[in-house]
Amino acid sequence: MQPPPQADESWTVASAKAKLSEVIERAQSTPQTITRNGKPSVVVVSAEEWQRKTTRKGTLAEFLMQSPLRGADLDLERQRDEPRDPAL
C-alpha cells in the first residue's frame, strides 16, 4: 500500500479516491494534483481559490483602454484574401 502523499506531492487517482476528505482538506491551503497513469491530470483547489482565479476583473473595453499598446500608432493592414471555402 502506498503511503499518503505529503502536501507538496501529487495523488494517484486511487489514493485520491481512498482519501478524498484529506485531498479536500489539503486543497483548502494548497492546490492538490491528481495524476493518472503517472501524468498530472487535474488540480483540486479550494472554492475560494477557484473564485479568485475565475472572477472577471473589469470589462474588455477597460482591458483594451489600459493596454500599453494604446496610442502606439500601429500601422496594421487587413488582409484582403478571398474567404475560404467552408466545404473544405
N, C-alpha and C. Protein backbone atom coordinates (compact mmCIF):
# COMPACT_ATOMS: atom_id res chain seq x y z
N MET A 1 0.84 -1.19 0.00
CA MET A 1 0.00 0.00 0.00
C MET A 1 0.88 1.25 0.00
N GLN A 2 0.47 2.23 -0.78
CA GLN A 2 1.23 3.46 -0.95
C GLN A 2 0.99 4.39 0.25
N PRO A 3 2.05 4.99 0.80
CA PRO A 3 1.85 5.93 1.91
C PRO A 3 1.11 7.17 1.40
N PRO A 4 0.36 7.84 2.28
CA PRO A 4 -0.35 9.05 1.83
C PRO A 4 0.62 10.12 1.39
N PRO A 5 0.27 10.87 0.35
CA PRO A 5 1.17 11.91 -0.16
C PRO A 5 1.29 13.07 0.83
N GLN A 6 2.42 13.73 0.75
CA GLN A 6 2.63 14.94 1.54
C GLN A 6 1.96 16.10 0.81
N ALA A 7 1.86 17.26 1.46
CA ALA A 7 1.17 18.41 0.88
C ALA A 7 1.76 18.83 -0.45
N ASP A 8 3.08 18.62 -0.63
CA ASP A 8 3.71 19.07 -1.87
C ASP A 8 3.82 17.94 -2.89
N GLU A 9 3.24 16.78 -2.61
CA GLU A 9 3.26 15.66 -3.54
C GLU A 9 1.93 15.56 -4.25
N SER A 10 1.92 14.78 -5.33
CA SER A 10 0.67 14.58 -6.05
C SER A 10 0.03 13.27 -5.60
N TRP A 11 -1.24 13.12 -5.89
CA TRP A 11 -2.01 11.94 -5.54
C TRP A 11 -2.29 11.13 -6.79
N THR A 12 -2.28 9.82 -6.67
CA THR A 12 -2.77 8.99 -7.76
C THR A 12 -4.29 9.00 -7.67
N VAL A 13 -4.95 8.61 -8.73
CA VAL A 13 -6.42 8.55 -8.71
C VAL A 13 -6.88 7.64 -7.58
N ALA A 14 -6.23 6.49 -7.44
CA ALA A 14 -6.63 5.52 -6.41
C ALA A 14 -6.47 6.10 -5.01
N SER A 15 -5.32 6.77 -4.75
CA SER A 15 -5.12 7.32 -3.41
C SER A 15 -6.05 8.50 -3.16
N ALA A 16 -6.35 9.29 -4.19
CA ALA A 16 -7.28 10.41 -4.03
C ALA A 16 -8.69 9.89 -3.73
N LYS A 17 -9.09 8.80 -4.38
CA LYS A 17 -10.40 8.20 -4.10
C LYS A 17 -10.47 7.71 -2.66
N ALA A 18 -9.42 7.04 -2.24
CA ALA A 18 -9.40 6.47 -0.90
C ALA A 18 -9.33 7.53 0.19
N LYS A 19 -8.76 8.67 -0.12
CA LYS A 19 -8.54 9.73 0.89
C LYS A 19 -9.14 11.06 0.44
N LEU A 20 -10.32 11.01 -0.18
CA LEU A 20 -10.92 12.21 -0.73
C LEU A 20 -11.06 13.32 0.30
N SER A 21 -11.48 12.98 1.51
CA SER A 21 -11.62 14.00 2.55
C SER A 21 -10.29 14.70 2.82
N GLU A 22 -9.20 13.94 2.82
CA GLU A 22 -7.89 14.54 3.06
C GLU A 22 -7.46 15.41 1.88
N VAL A 23 -7.75 14.96 0.66
CA VAL A 23 -7.44 15.76 -0.53
C VAL A 23 -8.15 17.11 -0.43
N ILE A 24 -9.44 17.07 -0.08
CA ILE A 24 -10.23 18.30 0.05
C ILE A 24 -9.67 19.19 1.16
N GLU A 25 -9.35 18.59 2.28
CA GLU A 25 -8.81 19.37 3.41
C GLU A 25 -7.51 20.06 3.04
N ARG A 26 -6.61 19.32 2.40
CA ARG A 26 -5.32 19.92 2.00
C ARG A 26 -5.50 20.97 0.91
N ALA A 27 -6.49 20.78 0.05
CA ALA A 27 -6.73 21.74 -1.04
C ALA A 27 -7.19 23.09 -0.52
N GLN A 28 -7.66 23.14 0.73
CA GLN A 28 -8.06 24.42 1.31
C GLN A 28 -6.87 25.37 1.46
N SER A 29 -5.67 24.80 1.57
CA SER A 29 -4.49 25.66 1.73
C SER A 29 -3.50 25.54 0.58
N THR A 30 -3.47 24.39 -0.10
CA THR A 30 -2.50 24.17 -1.17
C THR A 30 -3.16 23.36 -2.29
N PRO A 31 -3.04 23.80 -3.54
CA PRO A 31 -3.60 23.01 -4.64
C PRO A 31 -3.06 21.58 -4.62
N GLN A 32 -3.93 20.61 -4.89
CA GLN A 32 -3.57 19.20 -4.88
C GLN A 32 -3.67 18.64 -6.29
N THR A 33 -2.58 18.04 -6.77
CA THR A 33 -2.54 17.46 -8.11
C THR A 33 -2.90 15.99 -8.04
N ILE A 34 -3.76 15.56 -8.93
CA ILE A 34 -4.11 14.15 -9.05
C ILE A 34 -3.57 13.67 -10.39
N THR A 35 -2.83 12.57 -10.34
CA THR A 35 -2.22 12.03 -11.55
C THR A 35 -2.98 10.80 -12.04
N ARG A 36 -2.91 10.60 -13.34
CA ARG A 36 -3.47 9.40 -13.96
C ARG A 36 -2.38 8.85 -14.88
N ASN A 37 -2.07 7.58 -14.70
CA ASN A 37 -1.00 6.94 -15.46
C ASN A 37 0.32 7.70 -15.35
N GLY A 38 0.59 8.22 -14.15
CA GLY A 38 1.84 8.91 -13.89
C GLY A 38 1.94 10.33 -14.41
N LYS A 39 0.87 10.85 -15.01
CA LYS A 39 0.90 12.21 -15.56
C LYS A 39 -0.13 13.07 -14.83
N PRO A 40 0.19 14.34 -14.57
CA PRO A 40 -0.80 15.21 -13.93
C PRO A 40 -2.08 15.26 -14.75
N SER A 41 -3.20 15.09 -14.07
CA SER A 41 -4.49 15.05 -14.76
C SER A 41 -5.39 16.21 -14.34
N VAL A 42 -5.50 16.43 -13.04
CA VAL A 42 -6.33 17.52 -12.53
C VAL A 42 -5.68 18.13 -11.30
N VAL A 43 -6.11 19.34 -10.98
CA VAL A 43 -5.67 20.01 -9.76
C VAL A 43 -6.92 20.37 -8.97
N VAL A 44 -6.92 20.02 -7.70
CA VAL A 44 -8.03 20.34 -6.82
C VAL A 44 -7.63 21.57 -6.01
N VAL A 45 -8.46 22.61 -6.08
CA VAL A 45 -8.22 23.83 -5.32
C VAL A 45 -9.45 24.17 -4.51
N SER A 46 -9.29 25.02 -3.53
CA SER A 46 -10.42 25.44 -2.71
C SER A 46 -11.39 26.27 -3.56
N ALA A 47 -12.63 26.31 -3.12
CA ALA A 47 -13.64 27.11 -3.82
C ALA A 47 -13.22 28.59 -3.83
N GLU A 48 -12.62 29.03 -2.73
CA GLU A 48 -12.16 30.43 -2.64
C GLU A 48 -11.09 30.71 -3.69
N GLU A 49 -10.13 29.79 -3.85
CA GLU A 49 -9.07 29.97 -4.86
C GLU A 49 -9.65 29.95 -6.26
N TRP A 50 -10.58 29.03 -6.53
CA TRP A 50 -11.22 28.94 -7.84
C TRP A 50 -11.94 30.25 -8.16
N GLN A 51 -12.68 30.77 -7.20
CA GLN A 51 -13.41 32.03 -7.40
C GLN A 51 -12.44 33.17 -7.70
N ARG A 52 -11.34 33.20 -6.96
CA ARG A 52 -10.34 34.26 -7.15
C ARG A 52 -9.73 34.18 -8.55
N LYS A 53 -9.47 32.97 -9.02
CA LYS A 53 -8.83 32.80 -10.33
C LYS A 53 -9.79 33.02 -11.50
N THR A 54 -11.09 32.81 -11.29
CA THR A 54 -12.03 32.88 -12.41
C THR A 54 -12.89 34.13 -12.43
N THR A 55 -12.81 34.96 -11.41
CA THR A 55 -13.62 36.18 -11.39
C THR A 55 -13.07 37.18 -12.39
N ARG A 56 -13.97 37.70 -13.20
CA ARG A 56 -13.58 38.69 -14.21
C ARG A 56 -13.15 39.97 -13.51
N LYS A 57 -12.06 40.52 -13.99
CA LYS A 57 -11.53 41.76 -13.43
C LYS A 57 -11.70 42.87 -14.46
N GLY A 58 -12.86 43.49 -14.49
CA GLY A 58 -13.11 44.56 -15.44
C GLY A 58 -13.69 44.04 -16.74
N THR A 59 -13.95 44.96 -17.64
CA THR A 59 -14.54 44.63 -18.93
C THR A 59 -13.45 44.56 -20.00
N LEU A 60 -13.80 44.04 -21.16
CA LEU A 60 -12.87 44.00 -22.27
C LEU A 60 -12.46 45.42 -22.67
N ALA A 61 -13.42 46.33 -22.65
CA ALA A 61 -13.11 47.73 -23.00
C ALA A 61 -12.09 48.32 -22.03
N GLU A 62 -12.25 48.04 -20.73
CA GLU A 62 -11.29 48.55 -19.74
C GLU A 62 -9.90 47.95 -19.97
N PHE A 63 -9.87 46.66 -20.29
CA PHE A 63 -8.60 46.00 -20.57
C PHE A 63 -7.90 46.65 -21.76
N LEU A 64 -8.65 46.88 -22.84
CA LEU A 64 -8.07 47.49 -24.03
C LEU A 64 -7.62 48.92 -23.77
N MET A 65 -8.38 49.65 -22.96
CA MET A 65 -8.01 51.04 -22.64
C MET A 65 -6.71 51.10 -21.83
N GLN A 66 -6.44 50.05 -21.05
CA GLN A 66 -5.23 50.02 -20.22
C GLN A 66 -4.04 49.38 -20.93
N SER A 67 -4.22 48.98 -22.17
CA SER A 67 -3.16 48.30 -22.91
C SER A 67 -1.96 49.22 -23.10
N PRO A 68 -0.76 48.68 -22.92
CA PRO A 68 0.43 49.50 -23.17
C PRO A 68 0.57 49.86 -24.66
N LEU A 69 -0.17 49.17 -25.54
CA LEU A 69 -0.11 49.48 -26.96
C LEU A 69 -1.07 50.60 -27.36
N ARG A 70 -1.92 51.01 -26.42
CA ARG A 70 -2.86 52.09 -26.73
C ARG A 70 -2.07 53.35 -27.06
N GLY A 71 -2.38 53.94 -28.18
CA GLY A 71 -1.70 55.16 -28.60
C GLY A 71 -0.35 54.89 -29.26
N ALA A 72 -0.02 53.63 -29.52
CA ALA A 72 1.27 53.31 -30.13
C ALA A 72 1.28 53.58 -31.63
N ASP A 73 0.12 53.93 -32.19
CA ASP A 73 0.00 54.26 -33.61
C ASP A 73 0.56 53.14 -34.49
N LEU A 74 0.09 51.93 -34.22
CA LEU A 74 0.50 50.78 -35.03
C LEU A 74 -0.14 50.87 -36.40
N ASP A 75 0.61 50.52 -37.41
CA ASP A 75 0.11 50.52 -38.78
C ASP A 75 -0.25 49.09 -39.15
N LEU A 76 -1.51 48.73 -39.00
CA LEU A 76 -1.96 47.38 -39.28
C LEU A 76 -2.77 47.36 -40.56
N GLU A 77 -2.46 46.40 -41.42
CA GLU A 77 -3.22 46.25 -42.65
C GLU A 77 -4.06 45.00 -42.57
N ARG A 78 -5.30 45.11 -42.99
CA ARG A 78 -6.18 43.96 -43.02
C ARG A 78 -5.91 43.17 -44.29
N GLN A 79 -5.85 41.84 -44.13
CA GLN A 79 -5.65 41.01 -45.30
C GLN A 79 -6.90 41.04 -46.16
N ARG A 80 -6.72 41.06 -47.46
CA ARG A 80 -7.84 41.12 -48.39
C ARG A 80 -8.00 39.79 -49.14
N ASP A 81 -7.59 38.69 -48.53
CA ASP A 81 -7.72 37.37 -49.15
C ASP A 81 -9.18 37.03 -49.38
N GLU A 82 -9.40 36.15 -50.33
CA GLU A 82 -10.75 35.65 -50.57
C GLU A 82 -11.15 34.77 -49.39
N PRO A 83 -12.44 34.74 -49.06
CA PRO A 83 -12.87 33.84 -47.98
C PRO A 83 -12.60 32.39 -48.33
N ARG A 84 -12.33 31.59 -47.31
CA ARG A 84 -12.06 30.17 -47.58
C ARG A 84 -13.38 29.44 -47.84
N ASP A 85 -13.30 28.34 -48.54
CA ASP A 85 -14.48 27.52 -48.84
C ASP A 85 -14.80 26.69 -47.61
N PRO A 86 -15.96 26.90 -46.97
CA PRO A 86 -16.29 26.17 -45.75
C PRO A 86 -16.47 24.67 -45.98
N ALA A 87 -16.66 24.24 -47.24
CA ALA A 87 -16.83 22.81 -47.52
C ALA A 87 -15.50 22.07 -47.43
N LEU A 88 -14.39 22.77 -47.41
CA LEU A 88 -13.08 22.11 -47.36
C LEU A 88 -12.69 21.77 -45.97
